[in-house]
Amino acid sequence: MKEPKVLLTMKDIKKHEIIKEVLAKRLKGIQACEVLGITPVHFSRLKKKVQLHGIQGILRPGREAPNKITNLLSDKVTALYKKYYYDFNISHFNWRQG
């Protein structure tokens, strides 16, 4: 099975570092909320996720586009273009997603 893509941003890294500081009792939760610009309730949710899953708990999984065409359809259109429509403007066939 294909491993899901995970998006990791600098903002996520900053969140994780601040939550680790709170867990190590070097920073208070209210101060962390102010730094991150989130509510105490949301911070407690994030803190619990970090305690259970580490940084993976706060990351968002990447998703494929819902309107993405299948490779089979893409291959069929490419074959049609090469066989019958080779003299057409290529921008008509520029929808292929790879």
PDB file of N, CA and C in Angstrom:
ATOM      1  N   MET A   1       0.831  -1.180   0.000  1.00  0.00           N
ATOM      2  CA  MET A   1       0.000   0.000   0.000  1.00  0.00           C
ATOM      3  C   MET A   1       0.875   1.243   0.000  1.00  0.00           C
ATOM      4  N   LYS A   2       0.415   2.264  -0.704  1.00  0.00           N
ATOM      5  CA  LYS A   2       1.179   3.490  -0.859  1.00  0.00           C
ATOM      6  C   LYS A   2       1.174   4.293   0.440  1.00  0.00           C
ATOM      7  N   GLU A   3       2.357   4.771   0.851  1.00  0.00           N
ATOM      8  CA  GLU A   3       2.490   5.587   2.057  1.00  0.00           C
ATOM      9  C   GLU A   3       1.821   6.934   1.806  1.00  0.00           C
ATOM     10  N   PRO A   4       0.967   7.403   2.721  1.00  0.00           N
ATOM     11  CA  PRO A   4       0.331   8.701   2.510  1.00  0.00           C
ATOM     12  C   PRO A   4       1.344   9.831   2.657  1.00  0.00           C
ATOM     13  N   LYS A   5       1.182  10.857   1.836  1.00  0.00           N
ATOM     14  CA  LYS A   5       2.060  12.015   1.935  1.00  0.00           C
ATOM     15  C   LYS A   5       1.645  12.825   3.153  1.00  0.00           C
ATOM     16  N   VAL A   6       2.624  13.432   3.795  1.00  0.00           N
ATOM     17  CA  VAL A   6       2.360  14.253   4.964  1.00  0.00           C
ATOM     18  C   VAL A   6       2.987  15.615   4.727  1.00  0.00           C
ATOM     19  N   LEU A   7       2.217  16.657   5.004  1.00  0.00           N
ATOM     20  CA  LEU A   7       2.709  18.013   4.824  1.00  0.00           C
ATOM     21  C   LEU A   7       3.342  18.501   6.113  1.00  0.00           C
ATOM     22  N   LEU A   8       4.590  18.933   6.047  1.00  0.00           N
ATOM     23  CA  LEU A   8       5.297  19.446   7.209  1.00  0.00           C
ATOM     24  C   LEU A   8       5.768  20.857   6.884  1.00  0.00           C
ATOM     25  N   THR A   9       5.294  21.822   7.652  1.00  0.00           N
ATOM     26  CA  THR A   9       5.668  23.218   7.422  1.00  0.00           C
ATOM     27  C   THR A   9       6.464  23.734   8.613  1.00  0.00           C
ATOM     28  N   MET A  10       7.059  24.891   8.432  1.00  0.00           N
ATOM     29  CA  MET A  10       7.797  25.520   9.530  1.00  0.00           C
ATOM     30  C   MET A  10       6.845  25.857  10.675  1.00  0.00           C
ATOM     31  N   LYS A  11       5.610  26.193  10.349  1.00  0.00           N
ATOM     32  CA  LYS A  11       4.619  26.497  11.380  1.00  0.00           C
ATOM     33  C   LYS A  11       4.356  25.257  12.243  1.00  0.00           C
ATOM     34  N   ASP A  12       4.285  24.078  11.607  1.00  0.00           N
ATOM     35  CA  ASP A  12       4.092  22.832  12.347  1.00  0.00           C
ATOM     36  C   ASP A  12       5.281  22.543  13.260  1.00  0.00           C
ATOM     37  N   ILE A  13       6.480  22.788  12.771  1.00  0.00           N
ATOM     38  CA  ILE A  13       7.680  22.564  13.572  1.00  0.00           C
ATOM     39  C   ILE A  13       7.682  23.496  14.784  1.00  0.00           C
ATOM     40  N   LYS A  14       7.297  24.761  14.549  1.00  0.00           N
ATOM     41  CA  LYS A  14       7.229  25.733  15.649  1.00  0.00           C
ATOM     42  C   LYS A  14       6.202  25.290  16.689  1.00  0.00           C
ATOM     43  N   LYS A  15       5.024  24.839  16.218  1.00  0.00           N
ATOM     44  CA  LYS A  15       3.987  24.350  17.136  1.00  0.00           C
ATOM     45  C   LYS A  15       4.524  23.211  17.988  1.00  0.00           C
ATOM     46  N   HIS A  16       5.180  22.268  17.335  1.00  0.00           N
ATOM     47  CA  HIS A  16       5.699  21.102  18.035  1.00  0.00           C
ATOM     48  C   HIS A  16       6.732  21.509  19.079  1.00  0.00           C
ATOM     49  N   GLU A  17       7.622  22.424  18.729  1.00  0.00           N
ATOM     50  CA  GLU A  17       8.654  22.861  19.679  1.00  0.00           C
ATOM     51  C   GLU A  17       8.025  23.547  20.889  1.00  0.00           C
ATOM     52  N   ILE A  18       7.026  24.389  20.649  1.00  0.00           N
ATOM     53  CA  ILE A  18       6.374  25.095  21.760  1.00  0.00           C
ATOM     54  C   ILE A  18       5.615  24.111  22.650  1.00  0.00           C
ATOM     55  N   ILE A  19       4.944  23.153  22.052  1.00  0.00           N
ATOM     56  CA  ILE A  19       4.221  22.148  22.844  1.00  0.00           C
ATOM     57  C   ILE A  19       5.203  21.319  23.673  1.00  0.00           C
ATOM     58  N   LYS A  20       6.360  20.992  23.088  1.00  0.00           N
ATOM     59  CA  LYS A  20       7.381  20.263  23.854  1.00  0.00           C
ATOM     60  C   LYS A  20       7.876  21.084  25.038  1.00  0.00           C
ATOM     61  N   GLU A  21       7.988  22.404  24.849  1.00  0.00           N
ATOM     62  CA  GLU A  21       8.402  23.281  25.951  1.00  0.00           C
ATOM     63  C   GLU A  21       7.372  23.247  27.082  1.00  0.00           C
ATOM     64  N   VAL A  22       6.084  23.235  26.719  1.00  0.00           N
ATOM     65  CA  VAL A  22       5.026  23.173  27.734  1.00  0.00           C
ATOM     66  C   VAL A  22       5.065  21.828  28.448  1.00  0.00           C
ATOM     67  N   LEU A  23       5.245  20.743  27.692  1.00  0.00           N
ATOM     68  CA  LEU A  23       5.303  19.417  28.300  1.00  0.00           C
ATOM     69  C   LEU A  23       6.500  19.269  29.236  1.00  0.00           C
ATOM     70  N   ALA A  24       7.596  19.973  28.921  1.00  0.00           N
ATOM     71  CA  ALA A  24       8.781  19.938  29.774  1.00  0.00           C
ATOM     72  C   ALA A  24       8.677  20.953  30.918  1.00  0.00           C
ATOM     73  N   LYS A  25       7.544  21.654  30.999  1.00  0.00           N
ATOM     74  CA  LYS A  25       7.258  22.629  32.055  1.00  0.00           C
ATOM     75  C   LYS A  25       8.214  23.821  32.051  1.00  0.00           C
ATOM     76  N   ARG A  26       8.725  24.168  30.871  1.00  0.00           N
ATOM     77  CA  ARG A  26       9.556  25.358  30.729  1.00  0.00           C
ATOM     78  C   ARG A  26       8.744  26.558  30.238  1.00  0.00           C
ATOM     79  N   LEU A  27       7.476  26.299  29.891  1.00  0.00           N
ATOM     80  CA  LEU A  27       6.590  27.335  29.373  1.00  0.00           C
ATOM     81  C   LEU A  27       5.183  27.021  29.856  1.00  0.00           C
ATOM     82  N   LYS A  28       4.427  28.038  30.157  1.00  0.00           N
ATOM     83  CA  LYS A  28       3.040  27.824  30.595  1.00  0.00           C
ATOM     84  C   LYS A  28       2.130  27.707  29.381  1.00  0.00           C
ATOM     85  N   GLY A  29       1.037  26.965  29.550  1.00  0.00           N
ATOM     86  CA  GLY A  29       0.096  26.748  28.457  1.00  0.00           C
ATOM     87  C   GLY A  29      -0.513  28.027  27.928  1.00  0.00           C
ATOM     88  N   ILE A  30      -0.840  28.965  28.805  1.00  0.00           N
ATOM     89  CA  ILE A  30      -1.427  30.246  28.385  1.00  0.00           C
ATOM     90  C   ILE A  30      -0.432  31.039  27.542  1.00  0.00           C
ATOM     91  N   GLN A  31       0.830  31.008  27.938  1.00  0.00           N
ATOM     92  CA  GLN A  31       1.861  31.705  27.151  1.00  0.00           C
ATOM     93  C   GLN A  31       2.001  31.068  25.771  1.00  0.00           C
ATOM     94  N   ALA A  32       1.941  29.743  25.729  1.00  0.00           N
ATOM     95  CA  ALA A  32       2.031  29.042  24.445  1.00  0.00           C
ATOM     96  C   ALA A  32       0.852  29.410  23.549  1.00  0.00           C
ATOM     97  N   CYS A  33      -0.337  29.531  24.136  1.00  0.00           N
ATOM     98  CA  CYS A  33      -1.520  29.917  23.359  1.00  0.00           C
ATOM     99  C   CYS A  33      -1.343  31.292  22.739  1.00  0.00           C
ATOM    100  N   GLU A  34      -0.772  32.217  23.493  1.00  0.00           N
ATOM    101  CA  GLU A  34      -0.535  33.567  22.993  1.00  0.00           C
ATOM    102  C   GLU A  34       0.489  33.563  21.864  1.00  0.00           C
ATOM    103  N   VAL A  35       1.544  32.793  22.026  1.00  0.00           N
ATOM    104  CA  VAL A  35       2.591  32.724  21.000  1.00  0.00           C
ATOM    105  C   VAL A  35       2.040  32.116  19.712  1.00  0.00           C
ATOM    106  N   LEU A  36       1.264  31.044  19.856  1.00  0.00           N
ATOM    107  CA  LEU A  36       0.733  30.351  18.681  1.00  0.00           C
ATOM    108  C   LEU A  36      -0.509  31.021  18.111  1.00  0.00           C
ATOM    109  N   GLY A  37      -1.159  31.866  18.921  1.00  0.00           N
ATOM    110  CA  GLY A  37      -2.367  32.535  18.448  1.00  0.00           C
ATOM    111  C   GLY A  37      -3.561  31.596  18.366  1.00  0.00           C
ATOM    112  N   ILE A  38      -3.664  30.679  19.321  1.00  0.00           N
ATOM    113  CA  ILE A  38      -4.777  29.722  19.341  1.00  0.00           C
ATOM    114  C   ILE A  38      -5.448  29.769  20.711  1.00  0.00           C
ATOM    115  N   THR A  39      -6.624  29.186  20.797  1.00  0.00           N
ATOM    116  CA  THR A  39      -7.354  29.160  22.059  1.00  0.00           C
ATOM    117  C   THR A  39      -6.794  28.084  22.987  1.00  0.00           C
ATOM    118  N   PRO A  40      -7.028  28.232  24.276  1.00  0.00           N
ATOM    119  CA  PRO A  40      -6.567  27.201  25.220  1.00  0.00           C
ATOM    120  C   PRO A  40      -7.178  25.828  24.954  1.00  0.00           C
ATOM    121  N   VAL A  41      -8.425  25.801  24.507  1.00  0.00           N
ATOM    122  CA  VAL A  41      -9.064  24.512  24.215  1.00  0.00           C
ATOM    123  C   VAL A  41      -8.357  23.830  23.041  1.00  0.00           C
ATOM    124  N   HIS A  42      -8.079  24.593  21.988  1.00  0.00           N
ATOM    125  CA  HIS A  42      -7.386  24.011  20.837  1.00  0.00           C
ATOM    126  C   HIS A  42      -5.970  23.584  21.223  1.00  0.00           C
ATOM    127  N   PHE A  43      -5.323  24.392  22.074  1.00  0.00           N
ATOM    128  CA  PHE A  43      -3.975  24.028  22.515  1.00  0.00           C
ATOM    129  C   PHE A  43      -3.987  22.713  23.290  1.00  0.00           C
ATOM    130  N   SER A  44      -4.999  22.522  24.139  1.00  0.00           N
ATOM    131  CA  SER A  44      -5.050  21.272  24.906  1.00  0.00           C
ATOM    132  C   SER A  44      -5.255  20.073  23.983  1.00  0.00           C
ATOM    133  N   ARG A  45      -6.030  20.263  22.914  1.00  0.00           N
ATOM    134  CA  ARG A  45      -6.191  19.175  21.932  1.00  0.00           C
ATOM    135  C   ARG A  45      -4.855  18.845  21.271  1.00  0.00           C
ATOM    136  N   LEU A  46      -4.141  19.888  20.850  1.00  0.00           N
ATOM    137  CA  LEU A  46      -2.843  19.670  20.204  1.00  0.00           C
ATOM    138  C   LEU A  46      -1.851  19.020  21.162  1.00  0.00           C
ATOM    139  N   LYS A  47      -1.852  19.461  22.422  1.00  0.00           N
ATOM    140  CA  LYS A  47      -0.936  18.905  23.422  1.00  0.00           C
ATOM    141  C   LYS A  47      -1.196  17.414  23.626  1.00  0.00           C
ATOM    142  N   LYS A  48      -2.476  17.047  23.671  1.00  0.00           N
ATOM    143  CA  LYS A  48      -2.825  15.631  23.852  1.00  0.00           C
ATOM    144  C   LYS A  48      -2.365  14.813  22.643  1.00  0.00           C
ATOM    145  N   LYS A  49      -2.544  15.368  21.436  1.00  0.00           N
ATOM    146  CA  LYS A  49      -2.116  14.652  20.230  1.00  0.00           C
ATOM    147  C   LYS A  49      -0.603  14.461  20.208  1.00  0.00           C
ATOM    148  N   VAL A  50       0.130  15.485  20.635  1.00  0.00           N
ATOM    149  CA  VAL A  50       1.595  15.377  20.665  1.00  0.00           C
ATOM    150  C   VAL A  50       2.032  14.365  21.713  1.00  0.00           C
ATOM    151  N   GLN A  51       1.365  14.321  22.846  1.00  0.00           N
ATOM    152  CA  GLN A  51       1.700  13.338  23.877  1.00  0.00           C
ATOM    153  C   GLN A  51       1.493  11.912  23.363  1.00  0.00           C
ATOM    154  N   LEU A  52       0.417  11.699  22.598  1.00  0.00           N
ATOM    155  CA  LEU A  52       0.107  10.351  22.114  1.00  0.00           C
ATOM    156  C   LEU A  52       0.922   9.943  20.893  1.00  0.00           C
ATOM    157  N   HIS A  53       1.085  10.878  19.926  1.00  0.00           N
ATOM    158  CA  HIS A  53       1.651  10.495  18.629  1.00  0.00           C
ATOM    159  C   HIS A  53       2.910  11.259  18.231  1.00  0.00           C
ATOM    160  N   GLY A  54       3.370  12.171  19.049  1.00  0.00           N
ATOM    161  CA  GLY A  54       4.521  12.981  18.667  1.00  0.00           C
ATOM    162  C   GLY A  54       4.127  13.981  17.598  1.00  0.00           C
ATOM    163  N   ILE A  55       5.085  14.368  16.774  1.00  0.00           N
ATOM    164  CA  ILE A  55       4.802  15.377  15.750  1.00  0.00           C
ATOM    165  C   ILE A  55       3.778  14.882  14.722  1.00  0.00           C
ATOM    166  N   GLN A  56       3.682  13.572  14.545  1.00  0.00           N
ATOM    167  CA  GLN A  56       2.696  13.014  13.607  1.00  0.00           C
ATOM    168  C   GLN A  56       1.267  13.387  13.996  1.00  0.00           C
ATOM    169  N   GLY A  57       1.034  13.646  15.275  1.00  0.00           N
ATOM    170  CA  GLY A  57      -0.300  13.966  15.745  1.00  0.00           C
ATOM    171  C   GLY A  57      -0.828  15.298  15.265  1.00  0.00           C
ATOM    172  N   ILE A  58       0.069  16.234  14.929  1.00  0.00           N
ATOM    173  CA  ILE A  58      -0.393  17.548  14.501  1.00  0.00           C
ATOM    174  C   ILE A  58      -0.259  17.780  13.005  1.00  0.00           C
ATOM    175  N   LEU A  59       0.243  16.799  12.282  1.00  0.00           N
ATOM    176  CA  LEU A  59       0.414  16.965  10.837  1.00  0.00           C
ATOM    177  C   LEU A  59      -0.859  16.608  10.093  1.00  0.00           C
ATOM    178  N   ARG A  60      -1.020  17.241   8.948  1.00  0.00           N
ATOM    179  CA  ARG A  60      -2.180  16.988   8.089  1.00  0.00           C
ATOM    180  C   ARG A  60      -1.771  16.064   6.951  1.00  0.00           C
ATOM    181  N   PRO A  61      -2.551  15.030   6.708  1.00  0.00           N
ATOM    182  CA  PRO A  61      -2.218  14.151   5.578  1.00  0.00           C
ATOM    183  C   PRO A  61      -2.506  14.849   4.253  1.00  0.00           C
ATOM    184  N   GLY A  62      -1.619  14.642   3.286  1.00  0.00           N
ATOM    185  CA  GLY A  62      -1.876  15.170   1.950  1.00  0.00           C
ATOM    186  C   GLY A  62      -2.963  14.348   1.275  1.00  0.00           C
ATOM    187  N   ARG A  63      -3.756  14.995   0.459  1.00  0.00           N
ATOM    188  CA  ARG A  63      -4.840  14.291  -0.215  1.00  0.00           C
ATOM    189  C   ARG A  63      -4.716  14.464  -1.715  1.00  0.00           C
ATOM    190  N   GLU A  64      -5.136  13.441  -2.438  1.00  0.00           N
ATOM    191  CA  GLU A  64      -5.160  13.562  -3.891  1.00  0.00           C
ATOM    192  C   GLU A  64      -6.356  14.393  -4.305  1.00  0.00           C
ATOM    193  N   ALA A  65      -6.244  15.030  -5.437  1.00  0.00           N
ATOM    194  CA  ALA A  65      -7.343  15.841  -5.954  1.00  0.00           C
ATOM    195  C   ALA A  65      -8.533  14.930  -6.262  1.00  0.00           C
ATOM    196  N   PRO A  66      -9.737  15.334  -5.881  1.00  0.00           N
ATOM    197  CA  PRO A  66     -10.902  14.490  -6.124  1.00  0.00           C
ATOM    198  C   PRO A  66     -11.252  14.355  -7.612  1.00  0.00           C
ATOM    199  N   ASN A  67     -10.800  15.292  -8.429  1.00  0.00           N
ATOM    200  CA  ASN A  67     -11.110  15.235  -9.848  1.00  0.00           C
ATOM    201  C   ASN A  67      -9.942  14.721 -10.688  1.00  0.00           C
ATOM    202  N   LYS A  68      -8.975  14.098 -10.051  1.00  0.00           N
ATOM    203  CA  LYS A  68      -7.818  13.577 -10.763  1.00  0.00           C
ATOM    204  C   LYS A  68      -8.236  12.398 -11.637  1.00  0.00           C
ATOM    205  N   ILE A  69      -7.743  12.395 -12.864  1.00  0.00           N
ATOM    206  CA  ILE A  69      -8.095  11.314 -13.786  1.00  0.00           C
ATOM    207  C   ILE A  69      -7.224  10.088 -13.518  1.00  0.00           C
ATOM    208  N   THR A  70      -7.695   8.945 -13.943  1.00  0.00           N
ATOM    209  CA  THR A  70      -6.926   7.717 -13.738  1.00  0.00           C
ATOM    210  C   THR A  70      -5.811   7.620 -14.773  1.00  0.00           C
ATOM    211  N   ASN A  71      -4.816   6.810 -14.473  1.00  0.00           N
ATOM    212  CA  ASN A  71      -3.715   6.604 -15.419  1.00  0.00           C
ATOM    213  C   ASN A  71      -4.212   5.929 -16.689  1.00  0.00           C
ATOM    214  N   LEU A  72      -5.205   5.041 -16.557  1.00  0.00           N
ATOM    215  CA  LEU A  72      -5.750   4.355 -17.709  1.00  0.00           C
ATOM    216  C   LEU A  72      -6.368   5.346 -18.689  1.00  0.00           C
ATOM    217  N   LEU A  73      -7.175   6.261 -18.188  1.00  0.00           N
ATOM    218  CA  LEU A  73      -7.799   7.265 -19.048  1.00  0.00           C
ATOM    219  C   LEU A  73      -6.751   8.174 -19.666  1.00  0.00           C
ATOM    220  N   SER A  74      -5.772   8.557 -18.877  1.00  0.00           N
ATOM    221  CA  SER A  74      -4.699   9.402 -19.373  1.00  0.00           C
ATOM    222  C   SER A  74      -3.936   8.718 -20.507  1.00  0.00           C
ATOM    223  N   ASP A  75      -3.646   7.429 -20.339  1.00  0.00           N
ATOM    224  CA  ASP A  75      -2.938   6.674 -21.379  1.00  0.00           C
ATOM    225  C   ASP A  75      -3.771   6.558 -22.651  1.00  0.00           C
ATOM    226  N   LYS A  76      -5.089   6.366 -22.501  1.00  0.00           N
ATOM    227  CA  LYS A  76      -5.967   6.274 -23.672  1.00  0.00           C
ATOM    228  C   LYS A  76      -5.972   7.582 -24.463  1.00  0.00           C
ATOM    229  N   VAL A  77      -6.088   8.695 -23.746  1.00  0.00           N
ATOM    230  CA  VAL A  77      -6.111   9.993 -24.422  1.00  0.00           C
ATOM    231  C   VAL A  77      -4.776  10.269 -25.096  1.00  0.00           C
ATOM    232  N   THR A  78      -3.689   9.922 -24.439  1.00  0.00           N
ATOM    233  CA  THR A  78      -2.368  10.112 -25.035  1.00  0.00           C
ATOM    234  C   THR A  78      -2.213   9.282 -26.299  1.00  0.00           C
ATOM    235  N   ALA A  79      -2.690   8.040 -26.266  1.00  0.00           N
ATOM    236  CA  ALA A  79      -2.617   7.177 -27.449  1.00  0.00           C
ATOM    237  C   ALA A  79      -3.464   7.748 -28.588  1.00  0.00           C
ATOM    238  N   LEU A  80      -4.661   8.239 -28.268  1.00  0.00           N
ATOM    239  CA  LEU A  80      -5.513   8.856 -29.293  1.00  0.00           C
ATOM    240  C   LEU A  80      -4.838  10.080 -29.900  1.00  0.00           C
ATOM    241  N   TYR A  81      -4.219  10.876 -29.052  1.00  0.00           N
ATOM    242  CA  TYR A  81      -3.531  12.067 -29.540  1.00  0.00           C
ATOM    243  C   TYR A  81      -2.405  11.692 -30.501  1.00  0.00           C
ATOM    244  N   LYS A  82      -1.625  10.693 -30.117  1.00  0.00           N
ATOM    245  CA  LYS A  82      -0.490  10.296 -30.960  1.00  0.00           C
ATOM    246  C   LYS A  82      -0.941   9.657 -32.264  1.00  0.00           C
ATOM    247  N   LYS A  83      -2.053   8.900 -32.210  1.00  0.00           N
ATOM    248  CA  LYS A  83      -2.486   8.163 -33.385  1.00  0.00           C
ATOM    249  C   LYS A  83      -3.340   9.007 -34.343  1.00  0.00           C
ATOM    250  N   TYR A  84      -4.328   9.717 -33.816  1.00  0.00           N
ATOM    251  CA  TYR A  84      -5.296  10.404 -34.679  1.00  0.00           C
ATOM    252  C   TYR A  84      -5.197  11.928 -34.657  1.00  0.00           C
ATOM    253  N   TYR A  85      -4.834  12.496 -33.529  1.00  0.00           N
ATOM    254  CA  TYR A  85      -4.938  13.941 -33.380  1.00  0.00           C
ATOM    255  C   TYR A  85      -3.576  14.628 -33.267  1.00  0.00           C
ATOM    256  N   TYR A  86      -2.556  14.050 -33.888  1.00  0.00           N
ATOM    257  CA  TYR A  86      -1.202  14.570 -33.794  1.00  0.00           C
ATOM    258  C   TYR A  86      -1.065  15.984 -34.337  1.00  0.00           C
ATOM    259  N   ASP A  87      -1.962  16.394 -35.249  1.00  0.00           N
ATOM    260  CA  ASP A  87      -1.846  17.723 -35.832  1.00  0.00           C
ATOM    261  C   ASP A  87      -2.718  18.762 -35.111  1.00  0.00           C
ATOM    262  N   PHE A  88      -3.354  18.372 -34.026  1.00  0.00           N
ATOM    263  CA  PHE A  88      -4.151  19.311 -33.230  1.00  0.00           C
ATOM    264  C   PHE A  88      -3.225  20.130 -32.328  1.00  0.00           C
ATOM    265  N   ASN A  89      -3.739  21.256 -31.886  1.00  0.00           N
ATOM    266  CA  ASN A  89      -3.002  22.099 -30.961  1.00  0.00           C
ATOM    267  C   ASN A  89      -2.842  21.340 -29.634  1.00  0.00           C
ATOM    268  N   ILE A  90      -1.638  21.292 -29.117  1.00  0.00           N
ATOM    269  CA  ILE A  90      -1.361  20.508 -27.913  1.00  0.00           C
ATOM    270  C   ILE A  90      -2.100  21.032 -26.691  1.00  0.00           C
ATOM    271  N   SER A  91      -2.479  22.308 -26.679  1.00  0.00           N
ATOM    272  CA  SER A  91      -3.172  22.841 -25.500  1.00  0.00           C
ATOM    273  C   SER A  91      -4.546  22.215 -25.295  1.00  0.00           C
ATOM    274  N   HIS A  92      -5.100  21.601 -26.326  1.00  0.00           N
ATOM    275  CA  HIS A  92      -6.363  20.882 -26.155  1.00  0.00           C
ATOM    276  C   HIS A  92      -6.167  19.619 -25.310  1.00  0.00           C
ATOM    277  N   PHE A  93      -4.975  19.120 -25.258  1.00  0.00           N
ATOM    278  CA  PHE A  93      -4.678  17.876 -24.543  1.00  0.00           C
ATOM    279  C   PHE A  93      -3.831  18.134 -23.304  1.00  0.00           C
ATOM    280  N   ASN A  94      -3.784  19.338 -22.853  1.00  0.00           N
ATOM    281  CA  ASN A  94      -2.913  19.717 -21.754  1.00  0.00           C
ATOM    282  C   ASN A  94      -3.489  19.423 -20.389  1.00  0.00           C
ATOM    283  N   TRP A  95      -4.564  18.692 -20.268  1.00  0.00           N
ATOM    284  CA  TRP A  95      -5.208  18.378 -19.000  1.00  0.00           C
ATOM    285  C   TRP A  95      -4.575  17.189 -18.304  1.00  0.00           C
ATOM    286  N   ARG A  96      -3.664  16.486 -18.968  1.00  0.00           N
ATOM    287  CA  ARG A  96      -3.058  15.299 -18.368  1.00  0.00           C
ATOM    288  C   ARG A  96      -2.366  15.627 -17.068  1.00  0.00           C
ATOM    289  N   GLN A  97      -2.644  14.835 -16.051  1.00  0.00           N
ATOM    290  CA  GLN A  97      -2.026  15.026 -14.734  1.00  0.00           C
ATOM    291  C   GLN A  97      -1.094  13.855 -14.477  1.00  0.00           C
ATOM    292  N   GLY A  98       0.146  14.135 -14.160  1.00  0.00           N
ATOM    293  CA  GLY A  98       1.103  13.069 -14.005  1.00  0.00           C
ATOM    294  C   GLY A  98       1.607  12.821 -12.692  1.00  0.00           C
TER     295      GLY A  98
END
